[in-house]
Amino acid sequence: MANILIIDDEDDIRNLLSRIVRLEGYTVFQAETGAKGLKLIKKEKIHAVICDVKLPDAHGVDLVEQLKEIQPLCEVILLTAFGTITDGVTAMKRGAFDYITKGDDNNKIIPLLSKAVDKAMLKFRIAELEAKVGDKHTFENIVGQSPQMEQAKKIAKRVAKTDTTVLLGGQTGTGKEVFSQSIHYESERKSERFVAINCSALGKDILESEMFGHKKGAFTGADKDKKGLFEEANGGTIFLDEIGEMDLVLQAKLLRVLEDGTFMKVGDTKETKVDVRIIAATNRDLEKESEAGNFRLDLYYRLSVFKIQLPSLTERQSDIPLLAEHFINLSTGKMGRKSMTMENDFKAALLNHGWKGNIRELRNVIERAVILADDDVLTVEALPFEFQMQNEENQGENSLALTTMENKHIRKVLAYTGGNKTKSAELLGIGLTTLYRKMEEYGIAK
């Protein structure tokens, strides 16, 4: 239940209010002066304050700012014997929840307090959730102990404390967005928004509108003004993934944002100014793209003030068992299954794979293996067939053994899906036509 602080120098009024508030189930703290109220709010978590305007050592209107400076999420209701419009307006400007007159509005105090508490509780809850998100996206939670990853985390953590633009390089699926989130949540901007956009997912015109917004009537279908993602991220961080795919016209617009923090919305005649940190990511060599005329060289230099190259999964092989275990725990937790361990051959198969899709591919493979596993030990049979083939080749087995294994694996997947051919083909990573052909080849009933 919420904690309420009542500040009033009149004992009778303070005690009466305390009894009324306690009857509503709230925990009450009392103070007869502004100084004692400030001392209490420094020690206790207070959701709402009921404060008299006329105190022996302070004016309630002035006290609002001091109270909210100590606990910004609490709400303050001011009570006065003789209210004035000027005081009321000033109090609200300084952050008071409401300003009411004693006596005439006694029947309004509890409903008003209830609304103030609801608002404060919501703000406290949001702050707790944001803190949990921030805790989740820390460099300590990035899985990996290889020298390459430790070095990448070390330099990323150092740049996070600054406002410097960062360019993250590396193959697709190496964890660039995870790094960008960690940089944001370990920066001074962590209490503001982190906004991500994939520059390769949208066409030029749609991407421009999404990034910078548009004015009503700017184009067919623009029936109202729209904020762009740069405005949504104002004060925070924007992550531009696959920036190498961005159109040259938009690159010029982005360069302007980097230079002076301004841009023009689609269809607007005046500039919009924002304060946004930019983190960009690419799987391309932007310097070579610039030489080929596909990317602005001046934009590349502005983006690459601080460049971090993330290693591929094959470059950090020692991290594969750690990542696999991490994804096993995530998958079993999501599916409500018991914890699982990996058979040695299962680990070997993971280590011998090429991992063109990097961490993203590993996560999908592990989730699929957890689904197909019969018990709490993950075996090679739960892996896609190409893993099993590689495993057999490494053990010097002949092609007949591979065929036998494929036959067995297809039957197992079909049994798991209850004979659903489409789902089975999807889990096997083959086309539906290929599945039917193999079923016929192995004499599996259709």
Protein backbone atom coordinates (compact mmCIF):
# COMPACT_ATOMS: atom_id res chain seq x y z
CA MET A 1 0.00 0.00 0.00
CA ALA A 2 1.09 3.58 -0.62
CA ASN A 3 2.92 5.79 1.87
CA ILE A 4 1.45 9.24 2.53
CA LEU A 5 3.22 12.20 4.15
CA ILE A 6 1.07 14.87 5.82
CA ILE A 7 2.75 18.22 6.54
CA ASP A 8 0.71 20.66 8.65
CA ASP A 9 1.61 22.74 11.71
CA GLU A 10 -1.95 22.54 13.17
CA ASP A 11 -2.01 19.39 15.31
CA ASP A 12 -5.80 18.90 15.16
CA ILE A 13 -5.95 19.10 11.36
CA ARG A 14 -2.85 16.95 10.88
CA ASN A 15 -4.08 14.24 13.26
CA LEU A 16 -7.60 14.27 11.76
CA LEU A 17 -6.24 13.93 8.24
CA SER A 18 -3.95 11.12 9.39
CA ARG A 19 -6.86 9.14 10.87
CA ILE A 20 -8.95 9.60 7.71
CA VAL A 21 -6.10 8.56 5.45
CA ARG A 22 -5.21 5.53 7.61
CA LEU A 23 -8.82 4.33 7.39
CA GLU A 24 -8.31 4.12 3.61
CA GLY A 25 -5.51 1.64 4.22
CA TYR A 26 -2.55 3.95 3.59
CA THR A 27 0.59 4.19 5.73
CA VAL A 28 0.88 7.71 7.13
CA PHE A 29 3.88 9.82 8.13
CA GLN A 30 3.47 13.19 9.85
CA ALA A 31 5.52 16.39 10.00
CA GLU A 32 4.62 19.76 11.54
CA THR A 33 7.19 21.79 9.62
CA GLY A 34 8.60 21.93 6.11
CA ALA A 35 12.07 21.02 7.37
CA LYS A 36 10.80 17.86 9.11
CA GLY A 37 8.79 16.95 6.00
CA LEU A 38 11.92 17.20 3.84
CA LYS A 39 13.88 15.12 6.35
CA LEU A 40 11.20 12.40 6.30
CA ILE A 41 10.93 12.23 2.51
CA LYS A 42 14.70 11.71 2.30
CA LYS A 43 14.38 8.58 4.47
CA GLU A 44 11.06 7.06 3.37
CA LYS A 45 9.57 6.11 0.01
CA ILE A 46 6.61 8.51 -0.26
CA HIS A 47 3.94 8.20 -2.94
CA ALA A 48 1.90 11.31 -2.11
CA VAL A 49 2.20 14.38 0.11
CA ILE A 50 -0.64 16.45 1.60
CA CYS A 51 0.93 19.77 2.56
CA ASP A 52 -0.39 22.96 4.13
CA VAL A 53 0.49 26.13 2.25
CA LYS A 54 1.19 28.22 5.38
CA LEU A 55 3.91 26.59 7.47
CA PRO A 56 5.99 28.22 10.21
CA ASP A 57 9.25 27.72 8.31
CA ALA A 58 8.18 27.50 4.66
CA HIS A 59 5.57 28.30 2.04
CA GLY A 60 3.92 25.16 0.66
CA VAL A 61 4.11 26.41 -2.93
CA ASP A 62 7.90 26.78 -2.62
CA LEU A 63 8.12 23.41 -0.85
CA VAL A 64 6.65 21.54 -3.85
CA GLU A 65 9.86 21.86 -5.86
CA GLN A 66 12.02 20.75 -2.92
CA LEU A 67 9.85 17.71 -2.22
CA LYS A 68 9.83 16.63 -5.87
CA GLU A 69 13.55 17.23 -6.20
CA ILE A 70 14.11 14.59 -3.50
CA GLN A 71 11.43 12.19 -4.78
CA PRO A 72 10.44 13.21 -8.34
CA LEU A 73 7.81 10.48 -8.66
CA CYS A 74 5.70 11.48 -5.65
CA GLU A 75 2.60 13.67 -6.03
CA VAL A 76 1.94 16.75 -3.87
CA ILE A 77 -1.51 18.07 -2.89
CA LEU A 78 -1.54 21.54 -1.34
CA LEU A 79 -4.13 22.62 1.25
CA THR A 80 -4.82 26.25 2.10
CA ALA A 81 -7.26 28.14 4.30
CA PHE A 82 -7.38 31.08 1.88
CA GLY A 83 -6.57 30.05 -1.67
CA THR A 84 -5.53 32.50 -4.36
CA ILE A 85 -5.53 31.97 -8.10
CA THR A 86 -1.91 33.12 -8.31
CA ASP A 87 -0.73 30.59 -5.72
CA GLY A 88 -2.76 27.85 -7.37
CA VAL A 89 -1.28 28.53 -10.82
CA THR A 90 2.26 28.75 -9.41
CA ALA A 91 1.81 25.50 -7.46
CA MET A 92 0.67 23.60 -10.55
CA LYS A 93 3.54 25.00 -12.62
CA ARG A 94 5.98 23.75 -9.98
CA GLY A 95 4.58 20.24 -10.17
CA ALA A 96 1.76 20.09 -7.59
CA PHE A 97 -0.94 17.50 -8.29
CA ASP A 98 -3.69 19.84 -7.05
CA TYR A 99 -4.38 22.88 -4.86
CA ILE A 100 -7.55 22.89 -2.72
CA THR A 101 -9.12 24.92 0.06
CA LYS A 102 -9.49 23.51 3.57
CA GLY A 103 -12.99 22.97 4.95
CA ASP A 104 -14.96 23.51 1.74
CA ASP A 105 -13.33 20.56 0.03
CA ASN A 106 -12.99 17.97 2.83
CA ASN A 107 -15.16 15.54 0.85
CA LYS A 108 -12.75 15.84 -2.10
CA ILE A 109 -9.52 15.01 -0.26
CA ILE A 110 -9.75 11.20 -0.30
CA PRO A 111 -10.90 10.86 -3.95
CA LEU A 112 -8.19 13.36 -4.91
CA LEU A 113 -5.58 11.50 -2.86
CA SER A 114 -6.63 8.23 -4.50
CA LYS A 115 -6.02 9.71 -7.95
CA ALA A 116 -2.67 11.13 -6.88
CA VAL A 117 -1.61 7.76 -5.44
CA ASP A 118 -2.70 5.91 -8.60
CA LYS A 119 -0.61 8.28 -10.72
CA ALA A 120 2.42 8.00 -8.42
CA MET A 121 2.18 4.19 -8.20
CA LEU A 122 2.09 3.98 -12.01
CA LYS A 123 5.19 6.18 -12.27
CA PHE A 124 7.01 4.09 -9.65
CA ARG A 125 6.05 0.90 -11.52
CA ILE A 126 7.27 2.28 -14.85
CA ALA A 127 10.55 3.35 -13.21
CA GLU A 128 11.00 -0.17 -11.79
CA LEU A 129 10.35 -1.75 -15.19
CA GLU A 130 12.78 0.65 -16.87
CA ALA A 131 15.39 -0.23 -14.25
CA LYS A 132 14.87 -3.94 -14.98
CA VAL A 133 15.24 -3.29 -18.71
CA GLY A 134 18.41 -1.32 -17.99
CA ASP A 135 19.76 -4.17 -15.84
CA LYS A 136 19.02 -6.65 -18.63
CA HIS A 137 20.87 -4.62 -21.25
CA THR A 138 24.26 -4.34 -19.59
CA PHE A 139 27.64 -5.45 -20.91
CA GLU A 140 27.85 -7.94 -18.03
CA ASN A 141 24.82 -9.75 -19.51
CA ILE A 142 26.37 -10.12 -22.96
CA VAL A 143 27.36 -13.79 -23.13
CA GLY A 144 30.96 -14.42 -24.11
CA GLN A 145 34.40 -14.67 -22.53
CA SER A 146 36.62 -14.96 -25.61
CA PRO A 147 39.41 -12.36 -25.92
CA GLN A 148 37.68 -10.85 -28.98
CA MET A 149 34.39 -10.31 -27.12
CA GLU A 150 36.07 -9.07 -23.96
CA GLN A 151 37.94 -6.47 -26.01
CA ALA A 152 34.75 -5.39 -27.84
CA LYS A 153 32.86 -5.05 -24.54
CA LYS A 154 35.72 -3.14 -22.95
CA ILE A 155 35.87 -0.43 -25.61
CA ALA A 156 32.07 -0.27 -25.97
CA LYS A 157 31.70 0.26 -22.22
CA ARG A 158 34.22 3.10 -22.38
CA VAL A 159 32.45 4.93 -25.21
CA ALA A 160 29.02 4.39 -23.60
CA LYS A 161 29.72 7.10 -21.00
CA THR A 162 30.25 9.68 -23.75
CA ASP A 163 27.86 11.14 -26.32
CA THR A 164 30.03 10.06 -29.26
CA THR A 165 28.46 8.58 -32.39
CA VAL A 166 29.27 4.86 -32.70
CA LEU A 167 29.49 2.63 -35.78
CA LEU A 168 29.14 -1.10 -35.12
CA GLY A 169 30.56 -3.40 -37.81
CA GLY A 170 30.31 -7.15 -38.21
CA GLN A 171 28.49 -9.91 -40.02
CA THR A 172 24.71 -10.29 -39.79
CA GLY A 173 23.68 -11.90 -36.51
CA THR A 174 26.79 -10.98 -34.49
CA GLY A 175 24.80 -9.03 -31.86
CA LYS A 176 25.07 -5.43 -33.04
CA GLU A 177 21.65 -4.43 -31.66
CA VAL A 178 22.46 -6.04 -28.29
CA PHE A 179 25.64 -3.95 -28.14
CA SER A 180 23.77 -0.79 -29.11
CA GLN A 181 21.23 -1.34 -26.32
CA SER A 182 24.01 -1.91 -23.78
CA ILE A 183 25.74 1.31 -24.88
CA HIS A 184 22.46 3.21 -24.42
CA TYR A 185 21.58 1.73 -21.02
CA GLU A 186 25.07 2.39 -19.64
CA SER A 187 25.03 6.02 -20.86
CA GLU A 188 23.71 9.22 -19.33
CA ARG A 189 20.71 8.89 -21.68
CA LYS A 190 19.50 5.60 -20.17
CA SER A 191 16.34 7.17 -18.68
CA GLU A 192 15.26 8.33 -22.15
CA ARG A 193 14.09 6.25 -25.11
CA PHE A 194 16.09 3.78 -27.17
CA VAL A 195 14.61 3.63 -30.67
CA ALA A 196 15.73 1.13 -33.33
CA ILE A 197 15.02 1.10 -37.07
CA ASN A 198 16.20 -1.26 -39.80
CA CYS A 199 17.19 0.88 -42.79
CA SER A 200 16.94 -2.07 -45.19
CA ALA A 201 13.36 -2.98 -44.26
CA LEU A 202 11.62 0.04 -45.82
CA GLY A 203 11.61 1.87 -49.14
CA LYS A 204 13.20 5.34 -49.42
CA ASP A 205 10.00 7.40 -49.09
CA ILE A 206 8.55 5.36 -46.23
CA LEU A 207 11.90 5.33 -44.42
CA GLU A 208 12.17 9.12 -44.70
CA SER A 209 8.70 9.56 -43.20
CA GLU A 210 9.42 7.02 -40.43
CA MET A 211 12.73 8.61 -39.52
CA PHE A 212 11.87 12.30 -39.79
CA GLY A 213 8.06 12.45 -39.73
CA HIS A 214 5.75 14.39 -42.04
CA LYS A 215 3.21 17.19 -42.09
CA LYS A 216 -0.44 16.75 -42.85
CA GLY A 217 -1.04 16.78 -46.61
CA ALA A 218 2.62 16.09 -47.46
CA PHE A 219 1.53 13.16 -49.66
CA THR A 220 -1.54 11.05 -50.39
CA GLY A 221 -2.68 9.43 -47.17
CA ALA A 222 -0.92 11.92 -44.88
CA ASP A 223 -4.12 12.98 -43.13
CA LYS A 224 -2.38 14.27 -39.99
CA ASP A 225 1.01 15.38 -38.70
CA LYS A 226 3.30 12.53 -37.72
CA LYS A 227 6.34 12.51 -35.46
CA GLY A 228 9.36 10.68 -36.82
CA LEU A 229 11.58 8.32 -34.87
CA PHE A 230 14.23 11.00 -34.39
CA GLU A 231 11.66 13.08 -32.49
CA GLU A 232 10.52 10.01 -30.55
CA ALA A 233 14.14 9.41 -29.52
CA ASN A 234 14.75 13.05 -28.52
CA GLY A 235 17.01 13.05 -25.46
CA GLY A 236 17.80 9.38 -25.97
CA THR A 237 19.44 7.13 -28.55
CA ILE A 238 18.48 6.04 -32.07
CA PHE A 239 19.92 2.84 -33.52
CA LEU A 240 20.17 2.76 -37.33
CA ASP A 241 20.66 -0.88 -38.32
CA GLU A 242 21.93 -1.82 -41.80
CA ILE A 243 22.77 1.82 -42.52
CA GLY A 244 24.70 0.76 -45.62
CA GLU A 245 21.31 0.16 -47.30
CA MET A 246 20.19 3.79 -46.86
CA ASP A 247 19.43 5.84 -49.97
CA LEU A 248 21.96 8.60 -50.81
CA VAL A 249 19.30 11.34 -50.48
CA LEU A 250 18.48 10.22 -46.96
CA GLN A 251 22.18 9.96 -46.18
CA ALA A 252 22.47 13.71 -46.87
CA LYS A 253 19.58 14.38 -44.49
CA LEU A 254 21.16 12.20 -41.80
CA LEU A 255 24.47 14.03 -42.23
CA ARG A 256 22.66 17.28 -41.38
CA VAL A 257 21.32 15.75 -38.16
CA LEU A 258 24.82 14.67 -37.19
CA GLU A 259 26.21 18.15 -37.92
CA ASP A 260 23.71 20.38 -36.14
CA GLY A 261 20.84 18.24 -34.83
CA THR A 262 18.27 19.59 -37.30
CA PHE A 263 16.15 18.12 -40.08
CA MET A 264 13.12 18.97 -42.18
CA LYS A 265 9.99 16.85 -41.92
CA VAL A 266 8.45 15.69 -45.17
CA GLY A 267 6.23 18.56 -46.39
CA ASP A 268 7.41 21.00 -43.69
CA THR A 269 8.84 24.49 -44.23
CA LYS A 270 10.70 24.86 -40.96
CA GLU A 271 13.41 22.83 -39.29
CA THR A 272 12.97 20.54 -36.30
CA LYS A 273 15.79 20.33 -33.76
CA VAL A 274 16.55 17.23 -31.71
CA ASP A 275 19.15 16.03 -29.22
CA VAL A 276 19.78 12.40 -30.17
CA ARG A 277 22.75 10.09 -29.93
CA ILE A 278 23.21 8.00 -33.07
CA ILE A 279 24.49 4.43 -33.08
CA ALA A 280 24.69 2.88 -36.54
CA ALA A 281 25.41 -0.69 -37.64
CA THR A 282 26.39 -2.33 -40.90
CA ASN A 283 27.61 -5.64 -42.28
CA ARG A 284 29.24 -3.84 -45.22
CA ASP A 285 32.63 -2.18 -45.66
CA LEU A 286 31.37 1.41 -45.83
CA GLU A 287 34.76 2.75 -46.90
CA LYS A 288 34.69 0.52 -49.98
CA GLU A 289 31.03 1.39 -50.54
CA SER A 290 32.04 5.06 -50.49
CA GLU A 291 34.74 4.46 -53.09
CA ALA A 292 32.13 2.74 -55.26
CA GLY A 293 29.78 5.73 -54.90
CA ASN A 294 27.16 3.85 -52.89
CA PHE A 295 27.75 5.64 -49.59
CA ARG A 296 28.69 9.23 -48.77
CA LEU A 297 32.28 9.44 -47.62
CA ASP A 298 31.58 12.50 -45.42
CA LEU A 299 28.77 10.58 -43.68
CA TYR A 300 31.04 7.58 -43.19
CA TYR A 301 33.63 9.77 -41.47
CA ARG A 302 30.97 11.30 -39.20
CA LEU A 303 29.54 7.89 -38.28
CA SER A 304 32.88 6.19 -37.71
CA VAL A 305 34.11 8.60 -35.03
CA PHE A 306 34.21 5.47 -32.87
CA LYS A 307 34.06 2.14 -34.67
CA ILE A 308 33.66 -1.24 -33.00
CA GLN A 309 34.03 -4.42 -35.05
CA LEU A 310 32.15 -7.38 -33.59
CA PRO A 311 33.67 -10.84 -34.18
CA SER A 312 31.81 -13.58 -36.04
CA LEU A 313 30.86 -16.72 -34.14
CA THR A 314 33.60 -18.74 -35.82
CA GLU A 315 36.13 -16.15 -34.62
CA ARG A 316 35.01 -16.71 -31.03
CA GLN A 317 34.55 -20.49 -31.00
CA SER A 318 35.23 -20.76 -27.28
CA ASP A 319 31.98 -18.85 -26.68
CA ILE A 320 29.78 -21.33 -28.58
CA PRO A 321 29.16 -23.71 -25.60
CA LEU A 322 28.40 -20.71 -23.34
CA LEU A 323 25.94 -19.24 -25.85
CA ALA A 324 24.36 -22.66 -26.45
CA GLU A 325 23.80 -23.15 -22.73
CA HIS A 326 22.33 -19.65 -22.47
CA PHE A 327 19.86 -20.31 -25.32
CA ILE A 328 18.98 -23.74 -23.89
CA ASN A 329 17.99 -22.07 -20.60
CA LEU A 330 15.95 -19.43 -22.46
CA SER A 331 14.16 -22.04 -24.58
CA THR A 332 13.39 -24.48 -21.77
CA GLY A 333 12.12 -21.60 -19.63
CA LYS A 334 9.87 -20.35 -22.42
CA MET A 335 8.50 -23.85 -23.08
CA GLY A 336 8.14 -24.82 -19.44
CA ARG A 337 10.52 -27.77 -19.81
CA LYS A 338 13.11 -29.13 -17.37
CA SER A 339 16.69 -27.93 -17.63
CA MET A 340 18.73 -29.75 -20.27
CA THR A 341 22.36 -30.74 -20.77
CA MET A 342 24.34 -31.24 -23.99
CA GLU A 343 25.82 -34.56 -25.05
CA ASN A 344 29.51 -34.32 -26.07
CA ASP A 345 28.69 -35.15 -29.71
CA PHE A 346 26.07 -32.38 -29.65
CA LYS A 347 28.70 -29.85 -28.48
CA ALA A 348 31.17 -31.13 -31.07
CA ALA A 349 28.62 -30.70 -33.85
CA LEU A 350 28.04 -27.10 -32.77
CA LEU A 351 31.76 -26.37 -32.69
CA ASN A 352 32.31 -27.89 -36.16
CA HIS A 353 29.54 -25.88 -37.86
CA GLY A 354 30.31 -22.84 -40.05
CA TRP A 355 27.65 -20.53 -38.50
CA LYS A 356 27.04 -18.24 -41.45
CA GLY A 357 24.07 -16.79 -39.53
CA ASN A 358 26.20 -16.33 -36.39
CA ILE A 359 24.45 -15.96 -33.00
CA ARG A 360 21.00 -15.65 -34.58
CA GLU A 361 21.43 -19.00 -36.33
CA LEU A 362 22.73 -20.64 -33.15
CA ARG A 363 19.71 -19.45 -31.19
CA ASN A 364 17.29 -20.87 -33.78
CA VAL A 365 19.15 -24.21 -33.92
CA ILE A 366 19.08 -24.55 -30.12
CA GLU A 367 15.38 -23.70 -29.89
CA ARG A 368 14.61 -26.30 -32.54
CA ALA A 369 16.75 -28.91 -30.71
CA VAL A 370 14.93 -28.27 -27.42
CA ILE A 371 11.58 -28.79 -29.19
CA LEU A 372 12.70 -32.12 -30.69
CA ALA A 373 14.54 -33.50 -27.66
CA ASP A 374 12.92 -36.60 -26.12
CA ASP A 375 14.42 -36.10 -22.68
CA ASP A 376 16.68 -33.75 -20.75
CA VAL A 377 19.83 -34.58 -22.76
CA LEU A 378 20.36 -32.90 -26.13
CA THR A 379 21.78 -35.31 -28.70
CA VAL A 380 22.96 -34.87 -32.29
CA GLU A 381 19.66 -36.33 -33.51
CA ALA A 382 17.89 -33.16 -32.36
CA LEU A 383 20.06 -31.02 -34.68
CA PRO A 384 19.31 -30.23 -38.36
CA PHE A 385 20.46 -32.96 -40.74
CA GLU A 386 23.50 -31.08 -42.08
CA PHE A 387 24.92 -31.06 -38.52
CA GLN A 388 24.44 -34.81 -38.28
CA MET A 389 26.12 -35.35 -41.65
CA GLN A 390 29.10 -33.29 -40.56
CA ASN A 391 29.26 -35.20 -37.29
CA GLU A 392 29.27 -38.55 -39.10
CA GLU A 393 31.93 -37.34 -41.56
CA ASN A 394 34.13 -36.27 -38.65
CA GLN A 395 33.77 -39.75 -37.16
CA GLY A 396 34.66 -41.41 -40.48
CA GLU A 397 31.25 -43.05 -40.95
CA ASN A 398 30.08 -44.17 -44.40
CA SER A 399 27.24 -42.76 -46.47
CA LEU A 400 24.94 -45.68 -45.54
CA ALA A 401 25.07 -44.54 -41.89
CA LEU A 402 24.12 -41.04 -43.02
CA THR A 403 21.16 -42.35 -44.98
CA THR A 404 20.03 -44.40 -42.01
CA MET A 405 20.29 -41.37 -39.78
CA GLU A 406 18.34 -39.20 -42.21
CA ASN A 407 15.58 -41.80 -42.41
CA LYS A 408 15.40 -42.00 -38.63
CA HIS A 409 15.45 -38.24 -38.20
CA ILE A 410 12.64 -37.61 -40.69
CA ARG A 411 10.47 -40.24 -38.99
CA LYS A 412 11.16 -38.64 -35.60
CA VAL A 413 10.21 -35.14 -36.79
CA LEU A 414 7.02 -36.42 -38.46
CA ALA A 415 6.06 -38.18 -35.22
CA TYR A 416 6.70 -34.99 -33.26
CA THR A 417 4.45 -32.91 -35.55
CA GLY A 418 1.73 -35.55 -35.62
CA GLY A 419 2.30 -36.11 -39.34
CA ASN A 420 2.04 -32.43 -40.29
CA LYS A 421 4.18 -32.33 -43.46
CA THR A 422 4.40 -28.53 -43.70
CA LYS A 423 5.56 -28.16 -40.10
CA SER A 424 7.93 -31.11 -40.46
CA ALA A 425 9.54 -29.63 -43.58
CA GLU A 426 9.96 -26.33 -41.74
CA LEU A 427 11.66 -28.01 -38.75
CA LEU A 428 13.86 -30.09 -41.04
CA GLY A 429 14.89 -27.00 -43.00
CA ILE A 430 13.89 -28.49 -46.37
CA GLY A 431 11.17 -27.83 -48.93
CA LEU A 432 7.84 -29.66 -48.80
CA THR A 433 8.53 -31.29 -52.19
CA THR A 434 11.89 -32.55 -50.91
CA LEU A 435 10.22 -34.01 -47.83
CA TYR A 436 7.68 -35.95 -49.94
CA ARG A 437 10.49 -37.25 -52.15
CA LYS A 438 12.50 -38.46 -49.17
CA MET A 439 9.41 -40.04 -47.56
CA GLU A 440 8.87 -42.02 -50.76
CA GLU A 441 12.56 -42.94 -50.90
CA TYR A 442 12.56 -44.26 -47.34
CA GLY A 443 9.15 -45.90 -47.58
CA ILE A 444 7.57 -43.62 -44.98
CA ALA A 445 3.78 -43.73 -45.12
CA LYS A 446 2.20 -40.47 -46.31
